[in-house]
PDB file of all heavy atoms in Angstrom:
ATOM      1  N   ARG A   1      -0.431 -19.119  -9.619  1.00  0.00           N
ATOM      2  CA  ARG A   1       0.570 -18.433  -9.068  1.00  0.00           C
ATOM      3  C   ARG A   1       0.226 -17.562  -7.766  1.00  0.00           C
ATOM      4  O   ARG A   1       0.935 -17.400  -6.824  1.00  0.00           O
ATOM      5  CB  ARG A   1       1.214 -17.449 -10.063  1.00  0.00           C
ATOM      6  CG  ARG A   1       1.981 -18.074 -11.227  1.00  0.00           C
ATOM      7  CD  ARG A   1       2.675 -17.085 -12.035  1.00  0.00           C
ATOM      8  NE  ARG A   1       3.403 -17.725 -13.034  1.00  0.00           N
ATOM      9  CZ  ARG A   1       4.347 -16.930 -13.941  1.00  0.00           C
ATOM     10  NH1 ARG A   1       4.526 -15.681 -13.679  1.00  0.00           N
ATOM     11  NH2 ARG A   1       4.949 -17.622 -14.740  1.00  0.00           N
ATOM     12  N   TYR A   2      -0.941 -17.073  -7.889  1.00  0.00           N
ATOM     13  CA  TYR A   2      -1.514 -16.280  -6.695  1.00  0.00           C
ATOM     14  C   TYR A   2      -1.668 -17.209  -5.445  1.00  0.00           C
ATOM     15  O   TYR A   2      -1.371 -16.737  -4.388  1.00  0.00           O
ATOM     16  CB  TYR A   2      -2.850 -15.592  -7.065  1.00  0.00           C
ATOM     17  CG  TYR A   2      -3.481 -14.854  -5.896  1.00  0.00           C
ATOM     18  CD1 TYR A   2      -2.989 -13.601  -5.564  1.00  0.00           C
ATOM     19  CD2 TYR A   2      -4.436 -15.486  -5.145  1.00  0.00           C
ATOM     20  CE1 TYR A   2      -3.599 -12.961  -4.482  1.00  0.00           C
ATOM     21  CE2 TYR A   2      -5.037 -14.813  -4.217  1.00  0.00           C
ATOM     22  CZ  TYR A   2      -4.632 -13.572  -3.796  1.00  0.00           C
ATOM     23  OH  TYR A   2      -5.196 -12.875  -2.688  1.00  0.00           O
ATOM     24  N   VAL A   3      -2.226 -18.389  -5.659  1.00  0.00           N
ATOM     25  CA  VAL A   3      -2.409 -19.274  -4.567  1.00  0.00           C
ATOM     26  C   VAL A   3      -1.102 -19.711  -3.998  1.00  0.00           C
ATOM     27  O   VAL A   3      -1.056 -19.938  -2.692  1.00  0.00           O
ATOM     28  CB  VAL A   3      -3.332 -20.497  -5.131  1.00  0.00           C
ATOM     29  CG1 VAL A   3      -3.329 -21.567  -3.904  1.00  0.00           C
ATOM     30  CG2 VAL A   3      -4.689 -20.111  -5.452  1.00  0.00           C
ATOM     31  N   THR A   4      -0.161 -20.037  -4.791  1.00  0.00           N
ATOM     32  CA  THR A   4       1.229 -20.625  -4.237  1.00  0.00           C
ATOM     33  C   THR A   4       2.094 -19.518  -3.894  1.00  0.00           C
ATOM     34  O   THR A   4       3.240 -19.676  -3.327  1.00  0.00           O
ATOM     35  CB  THR A   4       1.833 -21.471  -5.287  1.00  0.00           C
ATOM     36  OG1 THR A   4       2.002 -20.705  -6.474  1.00  0.00           O
ATOM     37  CG2 THR A   4       0.889 -22.791  -5.559  1.00  0.00           C
ATOM     38  N   ALA A   5       1.691 -18.176  -4.147  1.00  0.00           N
ATOM     39  CA  ALA A   5       2.607 -17.112  -3.776  1.00  0.00           C
ATOM     40  C   ALA A   5       2.849 -16.981  -2.291  1.00  0.00           C
ATOM     41  O   ALA A   5       1.813 -17.235  -1.527  1.00  0.00           O
ATOM     42  CB  ALA A   5       2.175 -15.766  -4.363  1.00  0.00           C
ATOM     43  N   PRO A   6       3.992 -16.550  -1.758  1.00  0.00           N
ATOM     44  CA  PRO A   6       4.235 -16.409  -0.316  1.00  0.00           C
ATOM     45  C   PRO A   6       3.317 -15.317   0.232  1.00  0.00           C
ATOM     46  O   PRO A   6       3.227 -14.283  -0.385  1.00  0.00           O
ATOM     47  CB  PRO A   6       5.680 -16.133  -0.237  1.00  0.00           C
ATOM     48  CG  PRO A   6       6.115 -15.497  -1.460  1.00  0.00           C
ATOM     49  CD  PRO A   6       5.260 -16.287  -2.520  1.00  0.00           C
ATOM     50  N   ALA A   7       2.828 -15.510   1.432  1.00  0.00           N
ATOM     51  CA  ALA A   7       2.025 -14.529   2.115  1.00  0.00           C
ATOM     52  C   ALA A   7       2.799 -13.335   2.465  1.00  0.00           C
ATOM     53  O   ALA A   7       3.647 -13.476   3.232  1.00  0.00           O
ATOM     54  CB  ALA A   7       1.337 -15.067   3.408  1.00  0.00           C
ATOM     55  N   THR A   8       2.434 -12.175   2.048  1.00  0.00           N
ATOM     56  CA  THR A   8       3.157 -10.977   2.312  1.00  0.00           C
ATOM     57  C   THR A   8       2.161  -9.801   2.600  1.00  0.00           C
ATOM     58  O   THR A   8       0.950  -9.929   2.164  1.00  0.00           O
ATOM     59  CB  THR A   8       4.044 -10.410   1.113  1.00  0.00           C
ATOM     60  OG1 THR A   8       3.168 -10.218   0.098  1.00  0.00           O
ATOM     61  CG2 THR A   8       5.124 -11.323   0.931  1.00  0.00           C
ATOM     62  N   VAL A   9       2.458  -8.933   3.410  1.00  0.00           N
ATOM     63  CA  VAL A   9       1.630  -7.734   3.706  1.00  0.00           C
ATOM     64  C   VAL A   9       1.555  -6.795   2.539  1.00  0.00           C
ATOM     65  O   VAL A   9       2.665  -6.050   2.490  1.00  0.00           O
ATOM     66  CB  VAL A   9       1.966  -6.960   5.052  1.00  0.00           C
ATOM     67  CG1 VAL A   9       1.036  -5.869   5.436  1.00  0.00           C
ATOM     68  CG2 VAL A   9       1.879  -8.057   6.168  1.00  0.00           C
ATOM     69  N   ILE A  10       0.569  -6.762   1.806  1.00  0.00           N
ATOM     70  CA  ILE A  10       0.591  -5.936   0.648  1.00  0.00           C
ATOM     71  C   ILE A  10       0.346  -4.483   0.962  1.00  0.00           C
ATOM     72  O   ILE A  10       1.000  -3.420   0.465  1.00  0.00           O
ATOM     73  CB  ILE A  10      -0.410  -6.317  -0.362  1.00  0.00           C
ATOM     74  CG1 ILE A  10      -0.033  -7.746  -0.917  1.00  0.00           C
ATOM     75  CG2 ILE A  10      -0.388  -5.440  -1.640  1.00  0.00           C
ATOM     76  CD1 ILE A  10      -0.981  -8.317  -1.871  1.00  0.00           C
ATOM     77  N   GLY A  11      -0.622  -4.189   1.931  1.00  0.00           N
ATOM     78  CA  GLY A  11      -0.940  -2.853   2.401  1.00  0.00           C
ATOM     79  C   GLY A  11      -1.955  -2.226   1.265  1.00  0.00           C
ATOM     80  O   GLY A  11      -2.505  -2.760   0.551  1.00  0.00           O
ATOM     81  N   ASP A  12      -2.001  -0.900   1.524  1.00  0.00           N
ATOM     82  CA  ASP A  12      -3.026  -0.061   0.632  1.00  0.00           C
ATOM     83  C   ASP A  12      -2.507  -0.136  -0.713  1.00  0.00           C
ATOM     84  O   ASP A  12      -1.381   0.297  -1.052  1.00  0.00           O
ATOM     85  CB  ASP A  12      -3.074   1.348   1.250  1.00  0.00           C
ATOM     86  CG  ASP A  12      -4.285   2.026   0.607  1.00  0.00           C
ATOM     87  OD1 ASP A  12      -4.775   1.591  -0.424  1.00  0.00           O
ATOM     88  OD2 ASP A  12      -4.576   3.137   1.155  1.00  0.00           O
ATOM     89  N   VAL A  13      -3.358  -0.411  -1.723  1.00  0.00           N
ATOM     90  CA  VAL A  13      -3.100  -0.428  -3.045  1.00  0.00           C
ATOM     91  C   VAL A  13      -2.658   0.977  -3.510  1.00  0.00           C
ATOM     92  O   VAL A  13      -1.858   1.130  -4.341  1.00  0.00           O
ATOM     93  CB  VAL A  13      -4.256  -0.959  -3.953  1.00  0.00           C
ATOM     94  CG1 VAL A  13      -3.938  -0.794  -5.497  1.00  0.00           C
ATOM     95  CG2 VAL A  13      -4.455  -2.390  -3.604  1.00  0.00           C
ATOM     96  N   GLY A  14      -3.459   2.006  -3.009  1.00  0.00           N
ATOM     97  CA  GLY A  14      -3.023   3.403  -3.268  1.00  0.00           C
ATOM     98  C   GLY A  14      -1.653   3.797  -2.930  1.00  0.00           C
ATOM     99  O   GLY A  14      -0.973   4.442  -3.673  1.00  0.00           O
ATOM    100  N   ASP A  15      -1.212   3.168  -1.746  1.00  0.00           N
ATOM    101  CA  ASP A  15       0.219   3.526  -1.454  1.00  0.00           C
ATOM    102  C   ASP A  15       1.346   2.906  -2.392  1.00  0.00           C
ATOM    103  O   ASP A  15       2.333   3.405  -2.671  1.00  0.00           O
ATOM    104  CB  ASP A  15       0.483   2.885   0.113  1.00  0.00           C
ATOM    105  CG  ASP A  15      -0.371   3.578   1.054  1.00  0.00           C
ATOM    106  OD1 ASP A  15      -0.933   4.616   0.779  1.00  0.00           O
ATOM    107  OD2 ASP A  15      -0.480   3.073   2.234  1.00  0.00           O
ATOM    108  N   LEU A  16       0.901   1.614  -2.804  1.00  0.00           N
ATOM    109  CA  LEU A  16       1.847   0.940  -3.851  1.00  0.00           C
ATOM    110  C   LEU A  16       1.718   1.756  -5.184  1.00  0.00           C
ATOM    111  O   LEU A  16       2.770   1.796  -5.832  1.00  0.00           O
ATOM    112  CB  LEU A  16       1.398  -0.485  -3.965  1.00  0.00           C
ATOM    113  CG  LEU A  16       1.412  -1.322  -2.646  1.00  0.00           C
ATOM    114  CD1 LEU A  16       0.939  -2.707  -2.977  1.00  0.00           C
ATOM    115  CD2 LEU A  16       2.831  -1.322  -2.112  1.00  0.00           C
ATOM    116  N   LEU A  17       0.637   2.189  -5.623  1.00  0.00           N
ATOM    117  CA  LEU A  17       0.617   2.750  -6.859  1.00  0.00           C
ATOM    118  C   LEU A  17       1.019   4.260  -6.857  1.00  0.00           C
ATOM    119  O   LEU A  17       1.512   4.725  -7.840  1.00  0.00           O
ATOM    120  CB  LEU A  17      -0.820   2.759  -7.361  1.00  0.00           C
ATOM    121  CG  LEU A  17      -1.471   1.255  -7.488  1.00  0.00           C
ATOM    122  CD1 LEU A  17      -2.934   1.481  -7.989  1.00  0.00           C
ATOM    123  CD2 LEU A  17      -0.788   0.596  -8.717  1.00  0.00           C
ATOM    124  N   CYS A  18       0.953   4.857  -5.773  1.00  0.00           N
ATOM    125  CA  CYS A  18       1.206   6.315  -5.630  1.00  0.00           C
ATOM    126  C   CYS A  18       1.799   6.679  -4.262  1.00  0.00           C
ATOM    127  O   CYS A  18       1.132   6.678  -3.308  1.00  0.00           O
ATOM    128  CB  CYS A  18       0.031   7.144  -5.978  1.00  0.00           C
ATOM    129  SG  CYS A  18       0.349   8.906  -6.063  1.00  0.00           S
ATOM    130  N   GLU A  19       3.107   6.992  -4.296  1.00  0.00           N
ATOM    131  CA  GLU A  19       3.765   7.305  -3.075  1.00  0.00           C
ATOM    132  C   GLU A  19       3.219   8.655  -2.518  1.00  0.00           C
ATOM    133  O   GLU A  19       3.203   8.854  -1.322  1.00  0.00           O
ATOM    134  CB  GLU A  19       5.244   7.503  -3.291  1.00  0.00           C
ATOM    135  CG  GLU A  19       6.035   7.807  -2.012  1.00  0.00           C
ATOM    136  CD  GLU A  19       7.550   7.725  -2.340  1.00  0.00           C
ATOM    137  OE1 GLU A  19       7.944   7.309  -3.303  1.00  0.00           O
ATOM    138  OE2 GLU A  19       8.307   8.188  -1.342  1.00  0.00           O
ATOM    139  N   GLU A  20       2.847   9.585  -3.395  1.00  0.00           N
ATOM    140  CA  GLU A  20       2.245  10.852  -3.081  1.00  0.00           C
ATOM    141  C   GLU A  20       0.983  10.664  -2.306  1.00  0.00           C
ATOM    142  O   GLU A  20       0.733  11.372  -1.315  1.00  0.00           O
ATOM    143  CB  GLU A  20       2.087  11.607  -4.331  1.00  0.00           C
ATOM    144  CG  GLU A  20       1.497  13.068  -4.060  1.00  0.00           C
ATOM    145  CD  GLU A  20       1.300  13.939  -5.324  1.00  0.00           C
ATOM    146  OE1 GLU A  20       1.655  13.399  -6.336  1.00  0.00           O
ATOM    147  OE2 GLU A  20       0.793  15.093  -5.064  1.00  0.00           O
ATOM    148  N   HIS A  21       0.205   9.618  -2.643  1.00  0.00           N
ATOM    149  CA  HIS A  21      -1.015   9.365  -1.972  1.00  0.00           C
ATOM    150  C   HIS A  21      -0.812   8.877  -0.532  1.00  0.00           C
ATOM    151  O   HIS A  21      -1.480   9.426   0.419  1.00  0.00           O
ATOM    152  CB  HIS A  21      -1.792   8.227  -2.791  1.00  0.00           C
ATOM    153  CG  HIS A  21      -2.964   7.742  -1.925  1.00  0.00           C
ATOM    154  ND1 HIS A  21      -4.090   8.342  -1.934  1.00  0.00           N
ATOM    155  CD2 HIS A  21      -3.119   6.537  -1.161  1.00  0.00           C
ATOM    156  CE1 HIS A  21      -5.050   7.692  -1.156  1.00  0.00           C
ATOM    157  NE2 HIS A  21      -4.435   6.560  -0.811  1.00  0.00           N
ATOM    158  N   ALA A  22       0.287   8.185  -0.375  1.00  0.00           N
ATOM    159  CA  ALA A  22       0.750   7.628   0.961  1.00  0.00           C
ATOM    160  C   ALA A  22       1.150   8.979   1.841  1.00  0.00           C
ATOM    161  O   ALA A  22       0.776   8.990   3.031  1.00  0.00           O
ATOM    162  CB  ALA A  22       1.822   6.645   0.985  1.00  0.00           C
ATOM    163  N   LEU A  23       1.845   9.795   1.248  1.00  0.00           N
ATOM    164  CA  LEU A  23       2.404  10.939   2.011  1.00  0.00           C
ATOM    165  C   LEU A  23       1.164  11.925   2.331  1.00  0.00           C
ATOM    166  O   LEU A  23       0.992  12.391   3.522  1.00  0.00           O
ATOM    167  CB  LEU A  23       3.347  11.762   1.138  1.00  0.00           C
ATOM    168  CG  LEU A  23       4.648  11.101   0.837  1.00  0.00           C
ATOM    169  CD1 LEU A  23       5.532  11.933  -0.041  1.00  0.00           C
ATOM    170  CD2 LEU A  23       5.440  10.824   2.160  1.00  0.00           C
ATOM    171  N   GLU A  24       0.193  11.981   1.446  1.00  0.00           N
ATOM    172  CA  GLU A  24      -0.939  12.904   1.664  1.00  0.00           C
ATOM    173  C   GLU A  24      -1.822  12.264   2.768  1.00  0.00           C
ATOM    174  O   GLU A  24      -2.354  12.963   3.696  1.00  0.00           O
ATOM    175  CB  GLU A  24      -1.854  13.015   0.422  1.00  0.00           C
ATOM    176  CG  GLU A  24      -3.049  13.924   0.533  1.00  0.00           C
ATOM    177  CD  GLU A  24      -3.745  14.171  -0.780  1.00  0.00           C
ATOM    178  OE1 GLU A  24      -3.336  13.482  -1.733  1.00  0.00           O
ATOM    179  OE2 GLU A  24      -4.739  14.799  -0.668  1.00  0.00           O
ATOM    180  N   LYS A  25      -1.960  10.955   2.834  1.00  0.00           N
ATOM    181  CA  LYS A  25      -2.726  10.232   3.677  1.00  0.00           C
ATOM    182  C   LYS A  25      -2.096  10.410   5.157  1.00  0.00           C
ATOM    183  O   LYS A  25      -2.924  10.605   6.151  1.00  0.00           O
ATOM    184  CB  LYS A  25      -2.971   8.746   3.456  1.00  0.00           C
ATOM    185  CG  LYS A  25      -3.846   7.979   4.267  1.00  0.00           C
ATOM    186  CD  LYS A  25      -4.139   6.611   3.854  1.00  0.00           C
ATOM    187  CE  LYS A  25      -3.040   5.658   3.873  1.00  0.00           C
ATOM    188  NZ  LYS A  25      -3.308   4.347   3.541  1.00  0.00           N
ATOM    189  N   SER A  26      -0.782  10.324   5.280  1.00  0.00           N
ATOM    190  CA  SER A  26      -0.159  10.449   6.492  1.00  0.00           C
ATOM    191  C   SER A  26      -0.224  11.977   7.045  1.00  0.00           C
ATOM    192  O   SER A  26      -0.426  12.166   8.201  1.00  0.00           O
ATOM    193  CB  SER A  26       1.293  10.181   6.400  1.00  0.00           C
ATOM    194  OG  SER A  26       2.069  10.486   7.463  1.00  0.00           O
ATOM    195  N   LYS A  27      -0.166  12.843   6.171  1.00  0.00           N
ATOM    196  CA  LYS A  27      -0.369  14.317   6.537  1.00  0.00           C
ATOM    197  C   LYS A  27      -1.752  14.465   6.982  1.00  0.00           C
ATOM    198  O   LYS A  27      -1.993  15.192   8.015  1.00  0.00           O
ATOM    199  CB  LYS A  27      -0.046  15.243   5.342  1.00  0.00           C
ATOM    200  CG  LYS A  27      -0.314  16.735   5.518  1.00  0.00           C
ATOM    201  CD  LYS A  27      -0.210  17.402   4.254  1.00  0.00           C
ATOM    202  CE  LYS A  27      -0.709  18.934   4.338  1.00  0.00           C
ATOM    203  NZ  LYS A  27      -0.576  19.514   3.100  1.00  0.00           N
ATOM    204  N   ASN A  28      -2.832  14.024   6.323  1.00  0.00           N
ATOM    205  CA  ASN A  28      -4.143  14.245   6.726  1.00  0.00           C
ATOM    206  C   ASN A  28      -4.443  13.661   8.039  1.00  0.00           C
ATOM    207  O   ASN A  28      -5.126  14.204   8.934  1.00  0.00           O
ATOM    208  CB  ASN A  28      -5.092  13.608   5.753  1.00  0.00           C
ATOM    209  CG  ASN A  28      -5.059  14.459   4.274  1.00  0.00           C
ATOM    210  OD1 ASN A  28      -4.431  15.509   4.214  1.00  0.00           O
ATOM    211  ND2 ASN A  28      -5.672  13.887   3.348  1.00  0.00           N
ATOM    212  N   ARG A  29      -3.889  12.422   8.227  1.00  0.00           N
ATOM    213  CA  ARG A  29      -4.129  11.700   9.538  1.00  0.00           C
ATOM    214  C   ARG A  29      -3.491  12.564  10.658  1.00  0.00           C
ATOM    215  O   ARG A  29      -4.028  12.665  11.774  1.00  0.00           O
ATOM    216  CB  ARG A  29      -3.490  10.374   9.552  1.00  0.00           C
ATOM    217  CG  ARG A  29      -3.644   9.471  10.759  1.00  0.00           C
ATOM    218  CD  ARG A  29      -3.090   8.204  10.783  1.00  0.00           C
ATOM    219  NE  ARG A  29      -3.771   7.329   9.843  1.00  0.00           N
ATOM    220  CZ  ARG A  29      -3.272   6.837   8.660  1.00  0.00           C
ATOM    221  NH1 ARG A  29      -2.000   7.226   8.363  1.00  0.00           N
ATOM    222  NH2 ARG A  29      -3.843   5.992   7.910  1.00  0.00           N
ATOM    223  N   LYS A  30      -2.234  13.147  10.475  1.00  0.00           N
ATOM    224  CA  LYS A  30      -1.603  13.780  11.474  1.00  0.00           C
ATOM    225  C   LYS A  30      -2.449  15.075  11.917  1.00  0.00           C
ATOM    226  O   LYS A  30      -2.563  15.431  13.068  1.00  0.00           O
ATOM    227  CB  LYS A  30      -0.230  14.188  10.977  1.00  0.00           C
ATOM    228  CG  LYS A  30       0.580  15.117  12.026  1.00  0.00           C
ATOM    229  CD  LYS A  30       1.966  15.430  11.561  1.00  0.00           C
ATOM    230  CE  LYS A  30       2.795  16.197  12.503  1.00  0.00           C
ATOM    231  NZ  LYS A  30       4.220  16.515  11.921  1.00  0.00           N
TER     232      LYS A  30
END
């Protein structure tokens, strides 16, 4: 299934698992 799955941009696993992590990363980068 993984091999035949369509190619998509998954991104940071932390962002997918925790939206708060993505917001904190954006704030720190700014």
